[in-house]
N, C-alpha and C. Protein backbone atom coordinates (compact mmCIF):
# COMPACT_ATOMS: atom_id res chain seq x y z
N UNK A 1 -4.10 -24.57 -27.95
CA UNK A 1 -2.92 -25.18 -27.58
C UNK A 1 -3.36 -26.88 -28.52
N UNK A 2 -2.58 -27.82 -29.26
CA UNK A 2 -3.10 -29.31 -29.25
C UNK A 2 -3.05 -29.69 -28.16
N UNK A 3 -4.27 -31.47 -27.95
CA UNK A 3 -4.34 -31.74 -26.25
C UNK A 3 -3.06 -32.52 -26.28
N UNK A 4 -2.55 -33.12 -27.23
CA UNK A 4 -1.02 -33.75 -26.76
C UNK A 4 0.16 -32.97 -26.45
N UNK A 5 -0.05 -31.54 -26.80
CA UNK A 5 1.13 -30.34 -25.93
C UNK A 5 0.73 -30.52 -24.50
N UNK A 6 -1.02 -29.73 -24.60
CA UNK A 6 -1.48 -29.91 -23.04
C UNK A 6 -1.11 -31.34 -21.99
N UNK A 7 -1.27 -32.10 -22.47
CA UNK A 7 -0.84 -33.36 -21.98
C UNK A 7 0.54 -33.06 -21.20
N UNK A 8 1.34 -33.08 -22.32
CA UNK A 8 3.12 -33.01 -22.07
C UNK A 8 3.07 -31.90 -21.11
N UNK A 9 2.70 -30.76 -21.44
CA UNK A 9 2.76 -29.56 -20.39
C UNK A 9 2.38 -29.91 -18.84
N UNK A 10 1.46 -30.65 -18.65
CA UNK A 10 0.96 -30.82 -17.53
C UNK A 10 1.99 -31.52 -16.71
N UNK A 11 2.44 -32.80 -17.47
CA UNK A 11 3.33 -33.91 -16.98
C UNK A 11 4.00 -33.42 -16.67
N UNK A 12 4.74 -32.43 -17.22
CA UNK A 12 5.95 -31.57 -16.73
C UNK A 12 6.02 -30.73 -15.60
N UNK A 13 5.05 -30.24 -15.61
CA UNK A 13 4.63 -29.27 -14.02
C UNK A 13 4.18 -30.50 -12.80
N UNK A 14 3.98 -31.57 -13.20
CA UNK A 14 3.27 -32.70 -12.18
C UNK A 14 4.99 -33.06 -12.07
N UNK A 15 6.00 -33.15 -12.87
CA UNK A 15 6.98 -33.88 -12.29
C UNK A 15 8.17 -33.41 -11.79
N UNK A 16 7.74 -31.50 -11.92
CA UNK A 16 8.65 -30.24 -10.84
C UNK A 16 7.63 -30.71 -9.80
N UNK A 17 6.57 -30.56 -9.78
CA UNK A 17 6.03 -30.76 -8.30
C UNK A 17 6.36 -31.92 -7.15
N UNK A 18 6.22 -32.88 -8.39
CA UNK A 18 6.68 -34.25 -7.60
C UNK A 18 8.38 -34.53 -7.05
N UNK A 19 9.03 -33.85 -7.84
CA UNK A 19 10.19 -34.25 -7.85
C UNK A 19 10.83 -33.19 -6.09
N UNK A 20 10.38 -31.96 -6.76
CA UNK A 20 10.45 -30.78 -5.71
C UNK A 20 9.73 -30.99 -4.22
N UNK A 21 8.63 -31.49 -4.52
CA UNK A 21 7.75 -31.95 -3.20
C UNK A 21 7.48 -30.35 -2.61
N UNK A 22 6.89 -29.89 -3.59
CA UNK A 22 6.03 -28.18 -3.72
C UNK A 22 5.17 -28.30 -3.98
N UNK A 23 3.76 -29.12 -3.00
CA UNK A 23 2.57 -29.02 -3.93
C UNK A 23 1.78 -27.21 -4.65
N UNK A 24 2.24 -26.18 -3.66
CA UNK A 24 1.46 -25.46 -3.72
C UNK A 24 1.93 -24.06 -5.15
N UNK A 25 0.53 -24.35 -6.00
CA UNK A 25 1.46 -23.25 -7.27
C UNK A 25 0.84 -24.00 -8.55
N UNK A 26 0.81 -25.53 -8.06
CA UNK A 26 1.15 -26.31 -9.40
C UNK A 26 -0.05 -26.12 -10.27
N UNK A 27 -1.41 -25.98 -9.61
CA UNK A 27 -2.48 -26.07 -10.72
C UNK A 27 -2.14 -24.37 -11.70
N UNK A 28 -1.95 -23.19 -11.57
CA UNK A 28 -1.51 -21.89 -11.84
C UNK A 28 -0.09 -22.37 -13.08
N UNK A 29 0.65 -23.27 -12.16
CA UNK A 29 1.70 -22.80 -13.37
C UNK A 29 1.64 -24.04 -14.54
N UNK A 30 0.38 -25.26 -14.60
CA UNK A 30 0.09 -25.87 -15.37
C UNK A 30 -0.67 -24.77 -16.48
N UNK A 31 -1.61 -23.94 -15.92
CA UNK A 31 -2.28 -22.96 -16.96
C UNK A 31 -1.90 -22.11 -17.51
N UNK A 32 -0.24 -21.46 -17.02
CA UNK A 32 0.94 -20.62 -17.29
C UNK A 32 1.50 -21.43 -18.20
N UNK A 33 1.86 -22.68 -18.07
CA UNK A 33 2.79 -23.06 -19.36
C UNK A 33 2.06 -23.39 -19.74
N UNK A 34 0.80 -24.04 -20.36
CA UNK A 34 0.00 -24.57 -21.25
C UNK A 34 -0.05 -23.55 -22.43
N UNK A 35 -0.21 -22.09 -21.47
CA UNK A 35 -1.09 -20.76 -22.36
C UNK A 35 0.74 -20.46 -22.73
N UNK A 36 1.85 -20.24 -22.72
CA UNK A 36 2.70 -19.46 -22.87
C UNK A 36 3.89 -20.54 -23.56
N UNK A 37 3.98 -21.58 -23.28
CA UNK A 37 4.92 -22.49 -23.75
C UNK A 37 5.16 -22.97 -25.17
N UNK A 38 5.93 -22.78 -25.72
CA UNK A 38 6.38 -22.51 -26.62
C UNK A 38 7.64 -23.47 -27.13
N UNK A 39 7.14 -25.08 -27.53
CA UNK A 39 8.29 -25.87 -28.12
C UNK A 39 9.69 -25.34 -29.10
N UNK A 40 9.62 -24.32 -29.73
CA UNK A 40 10.26 -24.30 -31.07
C UNK A 40 11.36 -23.14 -30.28
N UNK A 41 11.10 -22.88 -28.85
CA UNK A 41 12.25 -21.84 -28.31
C UNK A 41 13.45 -22.68 -28.33
N UNK A 42 13.26 -23.82 -28.20
CA UNK A 42 14.75 -25.01 -27.66
C UNK A 42 14.79 -24.96 -26.21
N UNK A 43 14.29 -24.59 -25.57
CA UNK A 43 15.09 -24.59 -23.83
C UNK A 43 14.53 -26.20 -23.18
N UNK A 44 13.13 -26.67 -23.84
CA UNK A 44 13.32 -27.79 -23.35
C UNK A 44 11.85 -27.80 -22.14
N UNK A 45 11.20 -28.83 -22.62
CA UNK A 45 10.24 -28.71 -21.08
C UNK A 45 10.21 -28.67 -20.01
N UNK A 46 10.72 -29.65 -19.30
CA UNK A 46 11.06 -29.23 -18.49
C UNK A 46 11.92 -28.71 -17.57
N UNK A 47 12.78 -27.75 -18.19
CA UNK A 47 13.09 -26.27 -18.21
C UNK A 47 11.64 -25.13 -17.73
N UNK A 48 11.20 -25.09 -18.96
CA UNK A 48 9.82 -24.54 -19.07
C UNK A 48 9.06 -24.58 -17.46
N UNK A 49 8.86 -26.05 -17.28
CA UNK A 49 8.36 -26.39 -16.29
C UNK A 49 8.81 -25.79 -14.82
N UNK A 50 9.70 -25.90 -14.71
CA UNK A 50 10.85 -25.37 -13.71
C UNK A 50 10.43 -23.57 -13.52
N UNK A 51 10.93 -23.43 -14.54
CA UNK A 51 10.50 -21.50 -14.82
C UNK A 51 9.08 -20.89 -14.37
N UNK A 52 8.15 -21.81 -15.23
CA UNK A 52 6.65 -21.27 -14.75
C UNK A 52 6.21 -21.59 -13.26
N UNK A 53 6.62 -22.58 -12.73
CA UNK A 53 6.44 -23.15 -11.44
C UNK A 53 7.45 -22.18 -10.45
N UNK A 54 8.06 -21.76 -10.98
CA UNK A 54 9.18 -20.55 -9.83
C UNK A 54 8.24 -19.18 -9.87
N UNK A 55 7.94 -18.99 -11.09
CA UNK A 55 7.19 -17.74 -11.54
C UNK A 55 5.79 -17.59 -10.48
N UNK A 56 5.50 -18.67 -10.75
CA UNK A 56 3.79 -18.18 -10.20
C UNK A 56 4.40 -18.13 -8.56
N UNK A 57 5.22 -19.18 -7.87
CA UNK A 57 5.58 -19.51 -6.89
C UNK A 57 5.76 -18.45 -5.73
N UNK A 58 6.48 -17.35 -6.93
CA UNK A 58 7.16 -16.24 -6.50
C UNK A 58 5.83 -15.03 -6.37
N UNK A 59 5.33 -15.05 -7.14
CA UNK A 59 3.91 -14.39 -7.43
C UNK A 59 2.96 -14.53 -6.53
N UNK A 60 2.59 -15.89 -5.89
CA UNK A 60 2.05 -16.48 -5.24
C UNK A 60 2.05 -16.20 -3.56
N UNK A 61 3.50 -15.44 -3.29
CA UNK A 61 3.96 -15.62 -1.95
C UNK A 61 4.82 -16.72 -1.59
N UNK A 62 4.92 -17.39 -1.85
CA UNK A 62 5.78 -18.74 -1.13
C UNK A 62 6.78 -18.60 -1.61
N UNK A 63 7.98 -20.11 -0.57
CA UNK A 63 8.85 -19.86 -1.12
C UNK A 63 9.78 -20.18 -2.84
N UNK A 64 10.42 -19.85 -2.51
CA UNK A 64 10.65 -20.44 -4.83
C UNK A 64 12.04 -21.46 -4.44
N UNK A 65 11.89 -22.21 -5.04
CA UNK A 65 12.53 -23.45 -5.10
C UNK A 65 13.88 -23.01 -5.28
N UNK A 66 15.20 -22.63 -4.40
CA UNK A 66 16.68 -22.08 -5.16
C UNK A 66 16.96 -23.21 -6.72
N UNK A 67 17.18 -22.17 -7.83
CA UNK A 67 17.58 -22.80 -9.10
C UNK A 67 18.68 -24.20 -9.25
N UNK A 68 19.94 -23.46 -8.48
CA UNK A 68 20.71 -24.89 -8.67
C UNK A 68 20.04 -26.07 -7.79
N UNK A 69 19.41 -25.81 -7.08
CA UNK A 69 18.67 -27.44 -6.09
C UNK A 69 18.06 -27.62 -7.10
N UNK A 70 16.88 -26.94 -7.95
CA UNK A 70 15.56 -27.73 -8.99
C UNK A 70 16.02 -27.98 -9.70
N UNK A 71 17.48 -27.54 -10.37
CA UNK A 71 18.28 -28.15 -11.73
C UNK A 71 18.85 -29.19 -11.07
N UNK A 72 19.51 -29.36 -9.98
CA UNK A 72 20.09 -30.73 -9.93
C UNK A 72 19.11 -31.89 -9.94
N UNK A 73 18.30 -31.38 -9.05
CA UNK A 73 16.99 -32.35 -8.38
C UNK A 73 16.15 -33.42 -10.04
N UNK A 74 15.93 -32.19 -10.66
CA UNK A 74 15.65 -32.66 -12.10
C UNK A 74 16.99 -33.02 -13.22
N UNK A 75 17.68 -33.07 -13.13
CA UNK A 75 19.15 -33.15 -13.75
C UNK A 75 18.67 -32.45 -14.77
N UNK A 76 18.78 -31.19 -14.97
CA UNK A 76 18.78 -30.14 -15.95
C UNK A 76 19.56 -29.03 -15.89
N UNK A 77 19.96 -28.43 -16.95
CA UNK A 77 20.57 -27.09 -16.92
C UNK A 77 20.12 -26.06 -16.21
N UNK A 78 20.82 -25.29 -15.60
CA UNK A 78 20.20 -24.23 -14.73
C UNK A 78 20.09 -22.99 -15.51
N UNK A 79 20.53 -22.90 -16.90
CA UNK A 79 20.83 -21.78 -17.80
C UNK A 79 19.69 -21.82 -18.67
N UNK A 80 19.29 -23.09 -18.85
CA UNK A 80 17.98 -23.15 -19.69
C UNK A 80 16.65 -22.48 -18.84
N UNK A 81 16.97 -23.27 -17.32
CA UNK A 81 15.28 -22.75 -16.37
C UNK A 81 15.86 -21.11 -16.59
N UNK A 82 16.84 -20.67 -15.89
CA UNK A 82 16.83 -18.99 -16.21
C UNK A 82 16.76 -18.40 -17.59
N UNK A 83 16.78 -18.97 -18.61
CA UNK A 83 16.60 -18.10 -20.22
C UNK A 83 14.61 -18.49 -20.14
N UNK A 84 14.01 -19.95 -19.69
CA UNK A 84 12.89 -20.13 -19.96
C UNK A 84 12.10 -19.10 -18.87
N UNK A 85 12.70 -19.02 -17.78
CA UNK A 85 12.06 -17.93 -16.78
C UNK A 85 12.11 -16.45 -17.62
N UNK A 86 13.03 -16.04 -18.08
CA UNK A 86 12.94 -14.47 -18.38
C UNK A 86 12.21 -14.70 -19.47
N UNK A 87 11.91 -15.84 -20.66
CA UNK A 87 11.16 -15.34 -21.74
C UNK A 87 9.51 -15.48 -21.49
N UNK A 88 9.13 -16.41 -20.20
CA UNK A 88 8.08 -16.64 -19.60
C UNK A 88 7.88 -15.13 -18.94
N UNK A 89 8.32 -15.00 -18.00
CA UNK A 89 8.64 -13.32 -17.20
C UNK A 89 8.03 -12.23 -18.32
N UNK A 90 8.86 -12.13 -19.50
CA UNK A 90 8.82 -10.99 -20.55
C UNK A 90 7.44 -11.41 -21.06
N UNK A 91 6.50 -12.95 -21.11
CA UNK A 91 5.13 -12.71 -21.96
C UNK A 91 3.95 -12.53 -21.07
N UNK A 92 4.55 -12.37 -19.47
CA UNK A 92 2.86 -12.11 -18.83
C UNK A 92 3.15 -10.53 -18.02
N UNK A 93 2.25 -10.23 -18.09
CA UNK A 93 2.08 -9.05 -17.35
C UNK A 93 3.00 -8.76 -15.91
N UNK A 94 3.53 -8.04 -15.30
CA UNK A 94 3.95 -8.02 -14.04
C UNK A 94 3.18 -7.80 -13.31
N UNK A 95 3.87 -7.82 -11.39
CA UNK A 95 2.58 -7.70 -10.85
C UNK A 95 2.64 -6.30 -9.84
N UNK A 96 2.09 -5.67 -9.64
CA UNK A 96 2.31 -4.55 -9.17
C UNK A 96 3.06 -4.32 -7.79
N UNK A 97 3.82 -2.60 -8.51
CA UNK A 97 4.59 -2.24 -7.22
C UNK A 97 4.41 -2.30 -6.17
N UNK A 98 5.28 -3.03 -4.99
CA UNK A 98 5.31 -3.17 -3.89
C UNK A 98 4.58 -2.38 -2.94
N UNK A 99 4.74 -0.48 -3.21
CA UNK A 99 3.63 0.06 -2.51
C UNK A 99 2.32 0.07 -2.95
N UNK A 100 1.93 -0.40 -3.99
CA UNK A 100 0.08 -0.61 -4.03
C UNK A 100 -0.01 -1.70 -3.38
N UNK A 101 0.58 -2.97 -3.58
CA UNK A 101 0.36 -4.11 -2.97
C UNK A 101 -0.01 -3.54 -1.44
N UNK A 102 0.99 -2.88 -0.75
CA UNK A 102 1.13 -2.25 0.64
C UNK A 102 -0.54 -1.82 0.60
N UNK A 103 -1.17 -0.94 0.18
CA UNK A 103 -1.91 0.35 -0.07
C UNK A 103 -3.39 -0.62 0.12
N UNK A 104 -3.13 -2.05 -0.56
CA UNK A 104 -4.90 -2.53 -0.98
C UNK A 104 -4.34 -3.90 0.29
N UNK A 105 -3.61 -4.16 1.13
CA UNK A 105 -2.97 -4.30 2.28
C UNK A 105 -3.95 -3.78 3.73
N UNK A 106 -3.19 -2.29 3.21
CA UNK A 106 -3.81 -1.37 4.35
C UNK A 106 -5.67 -1.54 4.50
N UNK A 107 -5.61 -1.26 3.46
CA UNK A 107 -7.45 -0.95 3.14
C UNK A 107 -8.09 -2.12 3.21
N UNK A 108 -7.85 -3.35 3.01
CA UNK A 108 -8.38 -4.26 3.38
C UNK A 108 -8.43 -4.60 5.05
N UNK A 109 -7.15 -5.07 5.96
CA UNK A 109 -7.46 -4.61 7.21
C UNK A 109 -7.99 -3.50 7.36
N UNK A 110 -8.61 -2.36 7.09
CA UNK A 110 -9.47 -1.23 7.17
C UNK A 110 -10.58 -1.83 7.25
N UNK A 111 -11.09 -2.30 6.02
CA UNK A 111 -12.57 -2.92 5.78
C UNK A 111 -12.76 -4.11 6.76
N UNK A 112 -11.64 -4.60 7.18
CA UNK A 112 -12.13 -5.79 7.69
C UNK A 112 -12.55 -5.35 9.20
N UNK A 113 -11.65 -4.47 9.65
CA UNK A 113 -11.72 -4.11 11.16
C UNK A 113 -13.00 -3.20 11.28
N UNK A 114 -13.70 -2.89 9.73
CA UNK A 114 -15.33 -2.10 10.46
C UNK A 114 -16.31 -2.81 10.05
N UNK A 115 -16.14 -4.45 9.13
CA UNK A 115 -16.67 -5.31 9.12
C UNK A 115 -16.90 -5.80 10.25
N UNK A 116 -15.59 -5.94 11.12
CA UNK A 116 -16.06 -6.93 12.64
C UNK A 116 -17.04 -5.92 13.35
N UNK A 117 -16.18 -4.58 13.14
CA UNK A 117 -17.59 -3.58 14.01
C UNK A 117 -18.27 -3.52 13.79
N UNK A 118 -18.44 -4.21 12.71
CA UNK A 118 -20.56 -4.01 12.04
C UNK A 118 -21.08 -5.43 12.72
N UNK A 119 -20.57 -6.19 12.46
CA UNK A 119 -20.83 -7.28 12.95
C UNK A 119 -21.05 -7.75 14.28
N UNK A 120 -20.05 -7.10 14.98
CA UNK A 120 -20.15 -7.14 16.70
C UNK A 120 -20.89 -6.08 16.81
N UNK A 121 -21.23 -5.01 16.52
CA UNK A 121 -22.35 -3.50 17.17
C UNK A 121 -23.36 -3.75 16.54
N UNK A 122 -23.89 -4.33 14.93
CA UNK A 122 -24.72 -3.85 14.48
C UNK A 122 -24.14 -2.03 13.94
N UNK A 123 -25.40 -1.17 13.84
CA UNK A 123 -24.28 -0.03 13.18
C UNK A 123 -23.41 0.99 14.41
N UNK A 124 -23.42 0.12 15.42
CA UNK A 124 -22.85 1.11 16.58
C UNK A 124 -21.28 0.93 16.43
N UNK A 125 -20.28 1.45 16.42
CA UNK A 125 -18.60 0.84 16.35
C UNK A 125 -18.40 0.62 17.83
N UNK A 126 -16.92 0.04 17.91
CA UNK A 126 -16.10 0.02 19.16
C UNK A 126 -16.25 1.47 19.35
N UNK A 127 -15.90 1.74 20.99
CA UNK A 127 -15.89 2.77 21.39
C UNK A 127 -16.81 4.11 21.08
N UNK A 128 -17.77 3.72 20.50
CA UNK A 128 -18.84 4.66 20.46
C UNK A 128 -18.51 5.09 18.35
N UNK A 129 -17.70 4.92 18.36
CA UNK A 129 -17.62 5.23 16.69
C UNK A 129 -19.18 4.73 15.84
N UNK A 130 -19.37 5.74 15.61
CA UNK A 130 -20.31 5.27 14.48
C UNK A 130 -20.05 4.85 12.97
N UNK A 131 -20.26 4.34 12.28
CA UNK A 131 -20.03 3.44 11.18
C UNK A 131 -20.56 4.94 10.34
N UNK A 132 -19.93 4.56 8.75
CA UNK A 132 -20.10 5.48 7.82
C UNK A 132 -21.43 5.55 7.39
N UNK A 133 -22.44 7.01 7.22
CA UNK A 133 -24.16 6.77 6.73
C UNK A 133 -24.08 5.88 5.70
N UNK A 134 -25.06 4.86 5.62
CA UNK A 134 -25.42 4.15 4.55
C UNK A 134 -24.09 2.97 4.51
N UNK A 135 -23.62 2.57 5.57
CA UNK A 135 -22.37 1.62 5.42
C UNK A 135 -23.07 0.40 6.12
N UNK A 136 -23.18 -0.42 5.41
CA UNK A 136 -23.92 -1.97 5.76
C UNK A 136 -22.80 -2.96 5.90
N UNK A 137 -23.29 -3.50 6.53
CA UNK A 137 -22.09 -5.34 6.60
C UNK A 137 -22.28 -5.83 5.75
N UNK A 138 -23.12 -5.96 4.79
CA UNK A 138 -23.48 -6.56 3.09
C UNK A 138 -22.58 -5.50 2.44
N UNK A 139 -22.68 -4.07 2.40
CA UNK A 139 -21.74 -3.30 1.76
C UNK A 139 -20.59 -3.39 1.92
N UNK A 140 -20.09 -3.48 3.17
CA UNK A 140 -18.53 -3.49 3.34
C UNK A 140 -17.94 -5.08 2.60
N UNK A 141 -19.15 -6.53 3.19
CA UNK A 141 -18.43 -7.61 2.62
C UNK A 141 -18.22 -7.59 0.90
N UNK A 142 -18.97 -7.07 0.24
CA UNK A 142 -18.63 -6.80 -1.05
C UNK A 142 -17.58 -5.85 -1.36
N UNK A 143 -17.81 -5.16 -0.47
CA UNK A 143 -16.09 -4.10 -0.82
C UNK A 143 -14.99 -5.06 -0.31
N UNK A 144 -14.83 -5.65 0.62
CA UNK A 144 -13.66 -6.82 1.11
C UNK A 144 -13.39 -7.15 0.12
N UNK A 145 -14.34 -7.76 -0.70
CA UNK A 145 -14.44 -8.67 -1.54
C UNK A 145 -13.76 -8.25 -3.09
N UNK A 146 -14.77 -7.23 -3.39
CA UNK A 146 -13.64 -6.06 -4.28
C UNK A 146 -12.16 -6.11 -4.00
N UNK A 147 -12.05 -5.42 -2.89
CA UNK A 147 -10.40 -5.21 -3.10
C UNK A 147 -9.50 -6.26 -2.45
N UNK A 148 -9.90 -7.35 -2.34
CA UNK A 148 -9.42 -8.84 -2.11
C UNK A 148 -9.00 -9.24 -3.43
N UNK A 149 -10.17 -8.56 -4.64
CA UNK A 149 -10.00 -9.60 -6.21
C UNK A 149 -8.87 -8.44 -6.34
N UNK A 150 -8.97 -7.12 -6.41
CA UNK A 150 -7.63 -6.03 -6.56
C UNK A 150 -6.44 -6.81 -5.99
N UNK A 151 -6.41 -6.83 -4.63
CA UNK A 151 -4.87 -7.28 -4.75
C UNK A 151 -4.45 -8.57 -5.08
N UNK A 152 -5.15 -9.92 -5.38
CA UNK A 152 -4.93 -10.49 -6.09
C UNK A 152 -4.10 -10.50 -7.27
N UNK A 153 -4.92 -9.71 -8.07
CA UNK A 153 -4.65 -8.95 -9.54
C UNK A 153 -3.08 -8.39 -9.20
N UNK A 154 -2.89 -7.68 -8.11
CA UNK A 154 -1.82 -6.73 -8.14
C UNK A 154 -0.45 -7.45 -7.83
N UNK A 155 -0.67 -9.01 -7.03
CA UNK A 155 0.28 -9.70 -6.33
C UNK A 155 0.61 -10.33 -8.06
N UNK A 156 -0.37 -11.18 -8.38
CA UNK A 156 -0.19 -11.87 -9.71
C UNK A 156 0.16 -11.22 -11.01
N UNK A 157 -0.24 -10.58 -11.54
CA UNK A 157 -0.18 -9.35 -12.66
C UNK A 157 -1.70 -9.93 -12.98
N UNK A 158 -1.84 -8.93 -14.02
CA UNK A 158 -3.12 -9.34 -15.07
C UNK A 158 -3.31 -10.59 -15.41
N UNK A 159 -2.21 -11.39 -16.44
CA UNK A 159 -2.14 -12.60 -16.95
C UNK A 159 -2.62 -13.58 -16.17
N UNK A 160 -1.73 -13.50 -15.04
CA UNK A 160 -1.66 -15.05 -14.27
C UNK A 160 -3.05 -14.85 -13.21
N UNK A 161 -3.41 -13.67 -13.06
CA UNK A 161 -4.40 -13.34 -12.52
C UNK A 161 -5.94 -14.08 -13.55
N UNK A 162 -5.82 -13.68 -14.81
CA UNK A 162 -6.75 -14.05 -15.25
C UNK A 162 -6.77 -15.75 -15.58
N UNK A 163 -5.74 -16.10 -16.12
CA UNK A 163 -5.19 -17.58 -16.38
C UNK A 163 -5.84 -18.17 -15.01
N UNK A 164 -5.58 -17.46 -13.20
CA UNK A 164 -5.85 -18.29 -12.04
C UNK A 164 -7.55 -18.81 -12.19
N UNK A 165 -8.07 -17.48 -12.65
CA UNK A 165 -9.83 -17.33 -12.70
C UNK A 165 -10.00 -18.00 -14.21
N UNK A 166 -9.44 -18.79 -15.10
CA UNK A 166 -10.20 -19.51 -15.98
C UNK A 166 -10.32 -18.55 -17.43
N UNK A 167 -9.53 -17.30 -16.86
CA UNK A 167 -10.11 -16.96 -18.48
C UNK A 167 -8.55 -17.28 -19.49
N UNK A 168 -9.12 -16.83 -20.47
CA UNK A 168 -8.34 -16.68 -21.64
C UNK A 168 -6.90 -15.53 -22.22
N UNK A 169 -7.01 -14.38 -21.52
CA UNK A 169 -6.17 -13.75 -21.84
C UNK A 169 -4.93 -13.56 -22.07
N UNK A 170 -3.93 -14.28 -21.79
CA UNK A 170 -2.80 -14.76 -21.94
C UNK A 170 -2.77 -15.23 -23.45
N UNK A 171 -3.91 -15.61 -23.73
CA UNK A 171 -4.10 -16.28 -25.70
C UNK A 171 -4.56 -14.96 -26.35
N UNK A 172 -5.61 -14.34 -25.77
CA UNK A 172 -6.01 -13.19 -26.62
C UNK A 172 -5.01 -11.63 -26.65
N UNK A 173 -3.88 -11.37 -25.02
CA UNK A 173 -3.25 -10.55 -25.34
C UNK A 173 -3.96 -9.26 -24.99
N UNK A 174 -5.33 -9.51 -24.37
CA UNK A 174 -5.87 -8.21 -23.54
C UNK A 174 -6.21 -8.34 -22.24
N UNK A 175 -6.62 -7.58 -21.32
CA UNK A 175 -5.96 -7.43 -20.24
C UNK A 175 -7.55 -7.14 -19.43
N UNK A 176 -8.05 -7.90 -18.53
CA UNK A 176 -9.05 -7.54 -18.20
C UNK A 176 -9.59 -5.74 -18.16
N UNK A 177 -10.32 -5.53 -17.81
CA UNK A 177 -10.88 -4.04 -17.35
C UNK A 177 -11.04 -3.62 -15.99
N UNK A 178 -10.88 -3.04 -14.95
CA UNK A 178 -11.31 -2.91 -13.67
C UNK A 178 -11.35 -1.39 -13.82
N UNK A 179 -12.00 -0.98 -12.91
CA UNK A 179 -12.52 0.59 -12.17
C UNK A 179 -11.11 0.92 -11.91
N UNK A 180 -9.70 0.64 -11.95
CA UNK A 180 -8.97 1.22 -11.83
C UNK A 180 -8.26 2.10 -13.28
N UNK A 181 -8.93 1.38 -14.24
CA UNK A 181 -8.16 1.45 -15.64
C UNK A 181 -9.10 2.82 -16.02
N UNK A 182 -10.06 3.32 -15.35
CA UNK A 182 -11.07 4.46 -15.32
C UNK A 182 -10.43 5.69 -14.54
N UNK A 183 -9.62 4.94 -13.29
CA UNK A 183 -9.53 6.07 -12.23
C UNK A 183 -8.26 7.45 -12.56
């Protein structure tokens, strides 16, 4: 994307963040808009920035600014925001379903509990429970890191996850490979 277009998309997201007074998600919204904005679609940059911001905040689990309030504050047509949001949402991968996200949350909590036990008691667990053979605190930490990355990808979807981590999947159309792809 040309540098002047990136500067304009950054400025549009900055305007949205400043006017709505909601900073969480700004960086990822900038990346999404820079990667996916098509000036030829005719919806306008500011409605597209609001759409990117709303999508990102929703995926990150933050409150999403109400459409009509955001449109009124920014003096734009809410129909343009809706159209831009549909276009952006269709161009990025969806998040995992709620059941998968809950499964990952449960697995993370289980590993956190086991890690806490390992750190508190060495290999001896609370109430005399033993950890699984060969399960060290370092292995549990590594497993927890992988599960948290999986949860982040499940919540954001592949495209936003890659944008959040500085990858360019949105531009290549490829999604990352993970262990889940081979299961």
